[in-house]
PDB file of N, CA and C in Angstrom:
ATOM      1  N   MET A   1     157.940  68.986 129.359  1.00  0.00           N
ATOM      2  CA  MET A   1     158.793  69.927 129.052  1.00  0.00           C
ATOM      3  C   MET A   1     159.991  70.003 130.048  1.00  0.00           C
ATOM      4  N   SER A   2     159.635  69.600 131.232  1.00  0.00           N
ATOM      5  CA  SER A   2     160.576  69.749 132.411  1.00  0.00           C
ATOM      6  C   SER A   2     161.809  68.817 132.111  1.00  0.00           C
ATOM      7  N   LYS A   3     161.600  67.635 131.546  1.00  0.00           N
ATOM      8  CA  LYS A   3     162.620  66.688 131.260  1.00  0.00           C
ATOM      9  C   LYS A   3     163.571  67.286 130.131  1.00  0.00           C
ATOM     10  N   GLU A   4     163.018  67.910 129.174  1.00  0.00           N
ATOM     11  CA  GLU A   4     163.852  68.516 128.088  1.00  0.00           C
ATOM     12  C   GLU A   4     164.687  69.631 128.709  1.00  0.00           C
ATOM     13  N   ILE A   5     164.180  70.345 129.525  1.00  0.00           N
ATOM     14  CA  ILE A   5     164.918  71.509 130.188  1.00  0.00           C
ATOM     15  C   ILE A   5     166.068  70.881 130.913  1.00  0.00           C
ATOM     16  N   LEU A   6     165.871  69.794 131.774  1.00  0.00           N
ATOM     17  CA  LEU A   6     166.889  69.197 132.499  1.00  0.00           C
ATOM     18  C   LEU A   6     167.928  68.619 131.607  1.00  0.00           C
ATOM     19  N   GLU A   7     167.581  67.962 130.577  1.00  0.00           N
ATOM     20  CA  GLU A   7     168.596  67.350 129.549  1.00  0.00           C
ATOM     21  C   GLU A   7     169.292  68.569 128.951  1.00  0.00           C
ATOM     22  N   PHE A   8     168.689  69.543 128.654  1.00  0.00           N
ATOM     23  CA  PHE A   8     169.393  70.805 127.927  1.00  0.00           C
ATOM     24  C   PHE A   8     170.468  71.327 128.935  1.00  0.00           C
ATOM     25  N   LEU A   9     170.163  71.481 130.187  1.00  0.00           N
ATOM     26  CA  LEU A   9     171.072  72.095 131.163  1.00  0.00           C
ATOM     27  C   LEU A   9     172.256  71.011 131.449  1.00  0.00           C
ATOM     28  N   LYS A  10     171.923  69.743 131.440  1.00  0.00           N
ATOM     29  CA  LYS A  10     173.020  68.759 131.671  1.00  0.00           C
ATOM     30  C   LYS A  10     173.918  68.724 130.579  1.00  0.00           C
ATOM     31  N   LYS A  11     173.350  68.981 129.272  1.00  0.00           N
ATOM     32  CA  LYS A  11     174.241  68.942 128.075  1.00  0.00           C
ATOM     33  C   LYS A  11     174.938  70.337 127.990  1.00  0.00           C
ATOM     34  N   ASN A  12     174.332  71.482 128.360  1.00  0.00           N
ATOM     35  CA  ASN A  12     174.924  72.692 127.932  1.00  0.00           C
ATOM     36  C   ASN A  12     175.501  73.592 129.117  1.00  0.00           C
ATOM     37  N   GLY A  13     175.219  73.075 130.337  1.00  0.00           N
ATOM     38  CA  GLY A  13     175.701  73.740 131.545  1.00  0.00           C
ATOM     39  C   GLY A  13     174.751  74.853 131.844  1.00  0.00           C
ATOM     40  N   GLU A  14     175.248  75.850 132.629  1.00  0.00           N
ATOM     41  CA  GLU A  14     174.585  76.974 133.104  1.00  0.00           C
ATOM     42  C   GLU A  14     174.126  77.935 131.975  1.00  0.00           C
ATOM     43  N   LYS A  15     172.747  78.344 131.917  1.00  0.00           N
ATOM     44  CA  LYS A  15     172.269  79.099 130.911  1.00  0.00           C
ATOM     45  C   LYS A  15     171.296  80.098 131.421  1.00  0.00           C
ATOM     46  N   LEU A  16     171.003  81.152 130.795  1.00  0.00           N
ATOM     47  CA  LEU A  16     169.969  82.216 131.119  1.00  0.00           C
ATOM     48  C   LEU A  16     168.571  81.602 130.688  1.00  0.00           C
ATOM     49  N   ASP A  17     167.535  82.091 131.383  1.00  0.00           N
ATOM     50  CA  ASP A  17     166.206  81.634 130.946  1.00  0.00           C
ATOM     51  C   ASP A  17     165.925  81.934 129.600  1.00  0.00           C
ATOM     52  N   SER A  18     166.384  83.035 128.989  1.00  0.00           N
ATOM     53  CA  SER A  18     166.066  83.459 127.599  1.00  0.00           C
ATOM     54  C   SER A  18     166.814  82.499 126.651  1.00  0.00           C
ATOM     55  N   GLU A  19     167.879  82.083 127.029  1.00  0.00           N
ATOM     56  CA  GLU A  19     168.608  81.016 126.080  1.00  0.00           C
ATOM     57  C   GLU A  19     167.811  79.747 126.148  1.00  0.00           C
ATOM     58  N   ILE A  20     167.325  79.256 127.386  1.00  0.00           N
ATOM     59  CA  ILE A  20     166.650  78.003 127.450  1.00  0.00           C
ATOM     60  C   ILE A  20     165.372  78.089 126.764  1.00  0.00           C
ATOM     61  N   ALA A  21     164.592  79.286 126.769  1.00  0.00           N
ATOM     62  CA  ALA A  21     163.384  79.394 126.041  1.00  0.00           C
ATOM     63  C   ALA A  21     163.543  79.378 124.566  1.00  0.00           C
ATOM     64  N   GLU A  22     164.755  80.021 124.007  1.00  0.00           N
ATOM     65  CA  GLU A  22     164.998  79.986 122.609  1.00  0.00           C
ATOM     66  C   GLU A  22     165.327  78.606 122.106  1.00  0.00           C
ATOM     67  N   ALA A  23     166.070  77.771 123.028  1.00  0.00           N
ATOM     68  CA  ALA A  23     166.534  76.501 122.601  1.00  0.00           C
ATOM     69  C   ALA A  23     165.323  75.666 122.584  1.00  0.00           C
ATOM     70  N   MET A  24     164.479  75.778 123.537  1.00  0.00           N
ATOM     71  CA  MET A  24     163.181  74.842 123.691  1.00  0.00           C
ATOM     72  C   MET A  24     162.189  75.301 122.675  1.00  0.00           C
ATOM     73  N   GLY A  25     162.187  76.517 122.110  1.00  0.00           N
ATOM     74  CA  GLY A  25     161.064  76.947 121.268  1.00  0.00           C
ATOM     75  C   GLY A  25     159.901  77.294 121.916  1.00  0.00           C
ATOM     76  N   VAL A  26     159.881  77.791 123.126  1.00  0.00           N
ATOM     77  CA  VAL A  26     158.724  78.293 123.783  1.00  0.00           C
ATOM     78  C   VAL A  26     158.848  79.627 124.235  1.00  0.00           C
ATOM     79  N   SER A  27     157.823  80.311 124.614  1.00  0.00           N
ATOM     80  CA  SER A  27     157.801  81.705 125.071  1.00  0.00           C
ATOM     81  C   SER A  27     158.676  81.864 126.474  1.00  0.00           C
ATOM     82  N   LEU A  28     159.265  83.078 126.720  1.00  0.00           N
ATOM     83  CA  LEU A  28     159.975  83.294 127.883  1.00  0.00           C
ATOM     84  C   LEU A  28     159.139  83.088 129.145  1.00  0.00           C
ATOM     85  N   ALA A  29     157.865  83.583 129.143  1.00  0.00           N
ATOM     86  CA  ALA A  29     156.931  83.312 130.312  1.00  0.00           C
ATOM     87  C   ALA A  29     156.747  81.811 130.750  1.00  0.00           C
ATOM     88  N   ASN A  30     156.467  80.997 129.537  1.00  0.00           N
ATOM     89  CA  ASN A  30     156.370  79.568 129.767  1.00  0.00           C
ATOM     90  C   ASN A  30     157.488  79.035 130.279  1.00  0.00           C
ATOM     91  N   ALA A  31     158.729  79.346 129.771  1.00  0.00           N
ATOM     92  CA  ALA A  31     159.942  78.754 130.233  1.00  0.00           C
ATOM     93  C   ALA A  31     160.238  79.102 131.709  1.00  0.00           C
ATOM     94  N   ARG A  32     159.856  80.421 132.080  1.00  0.00           N
ATOM     95  CA  ARG A  32     160.087  80.842 133.551  1.00  0.00           C
ATOM     96  C   ARG A  32     159.151  80.129 134.421  1.00  0.00           C
ATOM     97  N   THR A  33     157.875  79.724 133.885  1.00  0.00           N
ATOM     98  CA  THR A  33     157.027  78.965 134.766  1.00  0.00           C
ATOM     99  C   THR A  33     157.647  77.514 135.051  1.00  0.00           C
ATOM    100  N   GLN A  34     158.067  76.991 133.980  1.00  0.00           N
ATOM    101  CA  GLN A  34     158.757  75.529 134.127  1.00  0.00           C
ATOM    102  C   GLN A  34     159.925  75.689 134.935  1.00  0.00           C
ATOM    103  N   LEU A  35     160.774  76.724 134.899  1.00  0.00           N
ATOM    104  CA  LEU A  35     161.941  76.755 135.755  1.00  0.00           C
ATOM    105  C   LEU A  35     161.684  76.958 137.098  1.00  0.00           C
ATOM    106  N   ALA A  36     160.718  77.764 137.421  1.00  0.00           N
ATOM    107  CA  ALA A  36     160.233  77.984 138.820  1.00  0.00           C
ATOM    108  C   ALA A  36     159.691  76.734 139.418  1.00  0.00           C
ATOM    109  N   GLU A  37     159.093  75.857 138.609  1.00  0.00           N
ATOM    110  CA  GLU A  37     158.578  74.564 139.254  1.00  0.00           C
ATOM    111  C   GLU A  37     159.719  73.622 139.494  1.00  0.00           C
ATOM    112  N   LEU A  38     160.712  73.691 138.594  1.00  0.00           N
ATOM    113  CA  LEU A  38     161.979  72.843 138.863  1.00  0.00           C
ATOM    114  C   LEU A  38     162.785  73.396 140.092  1.00  0.00           C
ATOM    115  N   ALA A  39     162.801  74.683 140.184  1.00  0.00           N
ATOM    116  CA  ALA A  39     163.545  75.264 141.301  1.00  0.00           C
ATOM    117  C   ALA A  39     162.787  74.931 142.566  1.00  0.00           C
ATOM    118  N   ALA A  40     161.522  74.906 142.598  1.00  0.00           N
ATOM    119  CA  ALA A  40     160.790  74.553 143.766  1.00  0.00           C
ATOM    120  C   ALA A  40     160.896  73.169 144.235  1.00  0.00           C
ATOM    121  N   LYS A  41     161.106  72.194 143.152  1.00  0.00           N
ATOM    122  CA  LYS A  41     161.338  70.831 143.467  1.00  0.00           C
ATOM    123  C   LYS A  41     162.828  70.613 143.747  1.00  0.00           C
ATOM    124  N   GLY A  42     163.722  71.604 143.666  1.00  0.00           N
ATOM    125  CA  GLY A  42     165.047  71.401 144.107  1.00  0.00           C
ATOM    126  C   GLY A  42     165.920  70.726 142.987  1.00  0.00           C
ATOM    127  N   GLU A  43     165.385  70.627 141.716  1.00  0.00           N
ATOM    128  CA  GLU A  43     166.069  69.986 140.645  1.00  0.00           C
ATOM    129  C   GLU A  43     167.163  70.864 139.934  1.00  0.00           C
ATOM    130  N   ILE A  44     166.819  72.237 140.041  1.00  0.00           N
ATOM    131  CA  ILE A  44     167.854  73.169 139.448  1.00  0.00           C
ATOM    132  C   ILE A  44     168.042  74.277 140.508  1.00  0.00           C
ATOM    133  N   MET A  45     169.125  74.918 140.311  1.00  0.00           N
ATOM    134  CA  MET A  45     169.500  76.267 140.975  1.00  0.00           C
ATOM    135  C   MET A  45     169.310  77.354 140.136  1.00  0.00           C
ATOM    136  N   ALA A  46     168.621  78.416 140.669  1.00  0.00           N
ATOM    137  CA  ALA A  46     168.303  79.518 139.917  1.00  0.00           C
ATOM    138  C   ALA A  46     168.675  80.799 140.680  1.00  0.00           C
ATOM    139  N   CYS A  47     169.240  81.795 139.954  1.00  0.00           N
ATOM    140  CA  CYS A  47     169.483  83.036 140.647  1.00  0.00           C
ATOM    141  C   CYS A  47     169.318  84.207 139.579  1.00  0.00           C
ATOM    142  N   HIS A  48     169.042  85.377 140.115  1.00  0.00           N
ATOM    143  CA  HIS A  48     168.796  86.449 139.282  1.00  0.00           C
ATOM    144  C   HIS A  48     170.138  86.969 138.800  1.00  0.00           C
ATOM    145  N   SER A  49     170.300  87.393 137.523  1.00  0.00           N
ATOM    146  CA  SER A  49     171.620  87.794 137.076  1.00  0.00           C
ATOM    147  C   SER A  49     171.411  89.033 136.163  1.00  0.00           C
ATOM    148  N   THR A  50     172.402  89.993 136.205  1.00  0.00           N
ATOM    149  CA  THR A  50     172.393  91.072 135.249  1.00  0.00           C
ATOM    150  C   THR A  50     173.795  91.048 134.613  1.00  0.00           C
ATOM    151  N   ARG A  51     173.749  91.008 133.223  1.00  0.00           N
ATOM    152  CA  ARG A  51     174.906  91.054 132.439  1.00  0.00           C
ATOM    153  C   ARG A  51     174.811  92.371 131.592  1.00  0.00           C
ATOM    154  N   PHE A  52     176.076  92.702 131.048  1.00  0.00           N
ATOM    155  CA  PHE A  52     176.204  93.781 130.271  1.00  0.00           C
ATOM    156  C   PHE A  52     177.021  93.339 128.948  1.00  0.00           C
ATOM    157  N   ASP A  53     176.449  93.498 127.710  1.00  0.00           N
ATOM    158  CA  ASP A  53     177.048  92.972 126.581  1.00  0.00           C
ATOM    159  C   ASP A  53     178.159  94.017 126.182  1.00  0.00           C
ATOM    160  N   ALA A  54     178.889  93.721 125.035  1.00  0.00           N
ATOM    161  CA  ALA A  54     180.001  94.529 124.655  1.00  0.00           C
ATOM    162  C   ALA A  54     179.706  95.997 124.433  1.00  0.00           C
ATOM    163  N   LYS A  55     178.406  96.301 124.049  1.00  0.00           N
ATOM    164  CA  LYS A  55     177.986  97.661 123.749  1.00  0.00           C
ATOM    165  C   LYS A  55     177.412  98.382 125.001  1.00  0.00           C
ATOM    166  N   GLY A  56     177.393  97.760 126.193  1.00  0.00           N
ATOM    167  CA  GLY A  56     177.020  98.296 127.452  1.00  0.00           C
ATOM    168  C   GLY A  56     175.516  98.051 127.633  1.00  0.00           C
ATOM    169  N   LYS A  57     174.694  97.266 126.823  1.00  0.00           N
ATOM    170  CA  LYS A  57     173.238  97.025 126.953  1.00  0.00           C
ATOM    171  C   LYS A  57     173.111  96.084 128.131  1.00  0.00           C
ATOM    172  N   LYS A  58     172.215  96.439 129.023  1.00  0.00           N
ATOM    173  CA  LYS A  58     171.909  95.594 130.139  1.00  0.00           C
ATOM    174  C   LYS A  58     171.053  94.441 129.867  1.00  0.00           C
ATOM    175  N   ILE A  59     171.434  93.273 130.326  1.00  0.00           N
ATOM    176  CA  ILE A  59     170.590  92.031 129.924  1.00  0.00           C
ATOM    177  C   ILE A  59     170.384  91.428 131.371  1.00  0.00           C
ATOM    178  N   GLU A  60     169.083  91.328 131.737  1.00  0.00           N
ATOM    179  CA  GLU A  60     168.525  90.760 132.992  1.00  0.00           C
ATOM    180  C   GLU A  60     167.960  89.465 132.754  1.00  0.00           C
ATOM    181  N   GLY A  61     168.110  88.455 133.704  1.00  0.00           N
ATOM    182  CA  GLY A  61     167.489  87.275 133.456  1.00  0.00           C
ATOM    183  C   GLY A  61     167.681  86.322 134.636  1.00  0.00           C
ATOM    184  N   ILE A  62     167.370  85.067 134.465  1.00  0.00           N
ATOM    185  CA  ILE A  62     167.392  84.107 135.609  1.00  0.00           C
ATOM    186  C   ILE A  62     168.463  83.047 135.059  1.00  0.00           C
ATOM    187  N   LYS A  63     169.487  82.931 135.869  1.00  0.00           N
ATOM    188  CA  LYS A  63     170.603  81.984 135.421  1.00  0.00           C
ATOM    189  C   LYS A  63     170.374  80.606 136.060  1.00  0.00           C
ATOM    190  N   CYS A  64     170.372  79.630 135.297  1.00  0.00           N
ATOM    191  CA  CYS A  64     169.920  78.306 135.909  1.00  0.00           C
ATOM    192  C   CYS A  64     170.911  77.214 135.572  1.00  0.00           C
ATOM    193  N   ARG A  65     170.997  76.262 136.445  1.00  0.00           N
ATOM    194  CA  ARG A  65     171.965  75.159 136.315  1.00  0.00           C
ATOM    195  C   ARG A  65     171.349  73.972 137.080  1.00  0.00           C
ATOM    196  N   LEU A  66     171.796  72.762 136.928  1.00  0.00           N
ATOM    197  CA  LEU A  66     171.341  71.597 137.594  1.00  0.00           C
ATOM    198  C   LEU A  66     171.812  71.622 139.015  1.00  0.00           C
ATOM    199  N   ALA A  67     171.025  71.231 139.995  1.00  0.00           N
ATOM    200  CA  ALA A  67     171.325  71.167 141.322  1.00  0.00           C
ATOM    201  C   ALA A  67     172.164  69.981 141.621  1.00  0.00           C
ATOM    202  N   GLY A  68     173.340  70.213 142.231  1.00  0.00           N
ATOM    203  CA  GLY A  68     174.114  69.029 142.705  1.00  0.00           C
ATOM    204  C   GLY A  68     174.857  68.512 141.718  1.00  0.00           C
ATOM    205  N   PHE A  69     174.917  68.921 140.527  1.00  0.00           N
ATOM    206  CA  PHE A  69     175.491  68.299 139.397  1.00  0.00           C
ATOM    207  C   PHE A  69     177.135  68.873 139.252  1.00  0.00           C
ATOM    208  N   ILE A  70     177.965  68.071 139.236  1.00  0.00           N
ATOM    209  CA  ILE A  70     179.351  68.518 139.213  1.00  0.00           C
ATOM    210  C   ILE A  70     179.849  67.785 137.980  1.00  0.00           C
ATOM    211  N   PRO A  71     180.206  68.539 136.928  1.00  0.00           N
ATOM    212  CA  PRO A  71     180.726  68.054 135.739  1.00  0.00           C
ATOM    213  C   PRO A  71     181.989  67.287 135.880  1.00  0.00           C
ATOM    214  N   PRO A  72     182.295  66.245 135.097  1.00  0.00           N
ATOM    215  CA  PRO A  72     183.509  65.577 135.196  1.00  0.00           C
ATOM    216  C   PRO A  72     184.747  66.428 134.912  1.00  0.00           C
ATOM    217  N   ALA A  73     185.791  66.133 135.519  1.00  0.00           N
ATOM    218  CA  ALA A  73     186.989  66.851 135.316  1.00  0.00           C
ATOM    219  C   ALA A  73     187.477  66.766 133.940  1.00  0.00           C
ATOM    220  N   ALA A  74     188.045  67.848 133.412  1.00  0.00           N
ATOM    221  CA  ALA A  74     188.660  67.847 132.063  1.00  0.00           C
ATOM    222  C   ALA A  74     189.926  66.947 132.013  1.00  0.00           C
ATOM    223  N   PRO A  75     190.082  66.321 130.883  1.00  0.00           N
ATOM    224  CA  PRO A  75     191.283  65.588 130.653  1.00  0.00           C
ATOM    225  C   PRO A  75     192.484  66.366 130.579  1.00  0.00           C
ATOM    226  N   GLY A  76     193.654  65.810 130.960  1.00  0.00           N
ATOM    227  CA  GLY A  76     194.969  66.653 130.903  1.00  0.00           C
ATOM    228  C   GLY A  76     195.609  66.759 132.177  1.00  0.00           C
ATOM    229  N   ARG A  77     196.744  67.515 132.082  1.00  0.00           N
ATOM    230  CA  ARG A  77     197.470  67.762 133.259  1.00  0.00           C
ATOM    231  C   ARG A  77     196.673  68.676 134.246  1.00  0.00           C
ATOM    232  N   LYS A  78     197.016  68.427 135.573  1.00  0.00           N
ATOM    233  CA  LYS A  78     196.375  69.342 136.608  1.00  0.00           C
ATOM    234  C   LYS A  78     197.442  70.030 137.311  1.00  0.00           C
ATOM    235  N   SER A  79     197.100  71.249 137.765  1.00  0.00           N
ATOM    236  CA  SER A  79     197.957  72.109 138.471  1.00  0.00           C
ATOM    237  C   SER A  79     198.272  71.590 139.957  1.00  0.00           C
ATOM    238  N   LYS A  80     199.341  71.895 140.413  1.00  0.00           N
ATOM    239  CA  LYS A  80     199.769  71.250 141.695  1.00  0.00           C
ATOM    240  C   LYS A  80     198.578  71.604 142.870  1.00  0.00           C
ATOM    241  N   SER A  81     198.138  72.841 142.791  1.00  0.00           N
ATOM    242  CA  SER A  81     197.074  73.207 143.697  1.00  0.00           C
ATOM    243  C   SER A  81     195.832  72.298 143.633  1.00  0.00           C
ATOM    244  N   GLN A  82     195.548  71.883 142.469  1.00  0.00           N
ATOM    245  CA  GLN A  82     194.301  70.998 142.349  1.00  0.00           C
ATOM    246  C   GLN A  82     194.699  69.647 142.834  1.00  0.00           C
ATOM    247  N   LEU A  83     195.825  69.128 142.735  1.00  0.00           N
ATOM    248  CA  LEU A  83     196.266  67.895 143.196  1.00  0.00           C
ATOM    249  C   LEU A  83     196.188  67.874 144.663  1.00  0.00           C
ATOM    250  N   LYS A  84     196.525  68.890 145.484  1.00  0.00           N
ATOM    251  CA  LYS A  84     196.570  68.972 146.984  1.00  0.00           C
ATOM    252  C   LYS A  84     195.123  68.962 147.394  1.00  0.00           C
ATOM    253  N   LEU A  85     194.201  69.447 146.689  1.00  0.00           N
ATOM    254  CA  LEU A  85     192.775  69.492 147.147  1.00  0.00           C
ATOM    255  C   LEU A  85     192.158  68.062 147.107  1.00  0.00           C
ATOM    256  N   SER A  86     192.560  67.225 146.179  1.00  0.00           N
ATOM    257  CA  SER A  86     191.956  65.891 146.088  1.00  0.00           C
ATOM    258  C   SER A  86     192.220  64.943 147.199  1.00  0.00           C
TER     259      SER A  86
END
């Protein structure tokens, strides 16, 4: 299941643990166990997150993304500040 999670994060970017569990079709507890193992190996970055939806409902979870993965730059024109950094 770890490979599926890594592929999901590579394809979809940063996601909450609940979103990953739903996409993988597993329980939240099982997903958190797998995510903890991946974080311990250094394959993903994970941090605790608190969000509030439009109605003010508090949503807590673990936000995960691939470690060391930098997505490719989007095509199109770049601002002058981005050109100076390169």
